[in-house]
Amino acid sequence: MNIMNRNMMTGLVTGSLIGATIGMYAVTQMNNGDRRRLMRQRNRMMKKASNVVKGMNMF
């Protein structure tokens, strides 16, 4: 693995950790109604994504 790939991988991992941390902080600051709304939206997105993958016949 050369230096450029290693630096890119390090940046991706660091960015992912920062994003996850900020996301967790944002969720803790939400009230219950906002949290429920977010969960409903996430469930809808997951259903749509699973339908797209099923339509592609990949799995």
Protein backbone atom coordinates (compact mmCIF):
# COMPACT_ATOMS: atom_id res chain seq x y z
CA MET A 1 0.00 0.00 0.00
CA ASN A 2 1.58 3.25 -1.03
CA ILE A 3 1.55 6.52 0.93
CA MET A 4 -1.30 8.11 -1.02
CA ASN A 5 -3.66 5.17 -0.37
CA ARG A 6 -2.68 5.09 3.30
CA ASN A 7 -3.32 8.83 3.68
CA MET A 8 -6.69 8.52 1.94
CA MET A 9 -7.70 5.61 4.17
CA THR A 10 -6.64 7.53 7.28
CA GLY A 11 -8.68 10.53 6.14
CA LEU A 12 -11.74 8.38 5.51
CA VAL A 13 -11.54 6.74 8.93
CA THR A 14 -10.97 10.09 10.66
CA GLY A 15 -13.85 11.72 8.79
CA SER A 16 -16.14 8.81 9.61
CA LEU A 17 -15.31 9.02 13.32
CA ILE A 18 -15.88 12.77 13.38
CA GLY A 19 -19.18 12.40 11.52
CA ALA A 20 -20.39 9.66 13.85
CA THR A 21 -19.47 11.74 16.90
CA ILE A 22 -21.28 14.83 15.60
CA GLY A 23 -24.30 12.71 14.68
CA MET A 24 -24.51 11.19 18.14
CA TYR A 25 -24.26 14.64 19.72
CA ALA A 26 -27.03 15.95 17.46
CA VAL A 27 -29.33 13.05 18.37
CA THR A 28 -28.80 13.62 22.08
CA GLN A 29 -29.80 17.27 21.66
CA MET A 30 -33.09 16.43 19.88
CA ASN A 31 -36.44 16.25 21.63
CA ASN A 32 -38.53 13.06 21.43
CA GLY A 33 -40.74 14.24 18.55
CA ASP A 34 -37.75 15.06 16.36
CA ARG A 35 -36.13 11.75 17.23
CA ARG A 36 -39.26 9.81 16.22
CA ARG A 37 -39.53 11.75 12.97
CA LEU A 38 -35.89 11.00 12.16
CA MET A 39 -36.39 7.29 12.85
CA ARG A 40 -39.45 7.18 10.55
CA GLN A 41 -37.49 8.87 7.76
CA ARG A 42 -34.60 6.48 8.26
CA ASN A 43 -36.95 3.47 8.09
CA ARG A 44 -38.48 4.76 4.84
CA MET A 45 -35.03 5.29 3.33
CA MET A 46 -33.94 1.77 4.30
CA LYS A 47 -37.07 0.26 2.73
CA LYS A 48 -36.49 2.19 -0.50
CA ALA A 49 -32.83 1.14 -0.57
CA SER A 50 -33.71 -2.51 -0.02
CA ASN A 51 -36.27 -2.35 -2.86
CA VAL A 52 -33.64 -0.90 -5.19
CA VAL A 53 -31.16 -3.67 -4.31
CA LYS A 54 -33.85 -6.33 -4.79
CA GLY A 55 -34.69 -4.80 -8.16
CA MET A 56 -31.08 -5.07 -9.25
CA ASN A 57 -31.04 -8.81 -8.46
CA MET A 58 -27.60 -8.54 -6.92
CA PHE A 59 -28.31 -10.56 -3.77
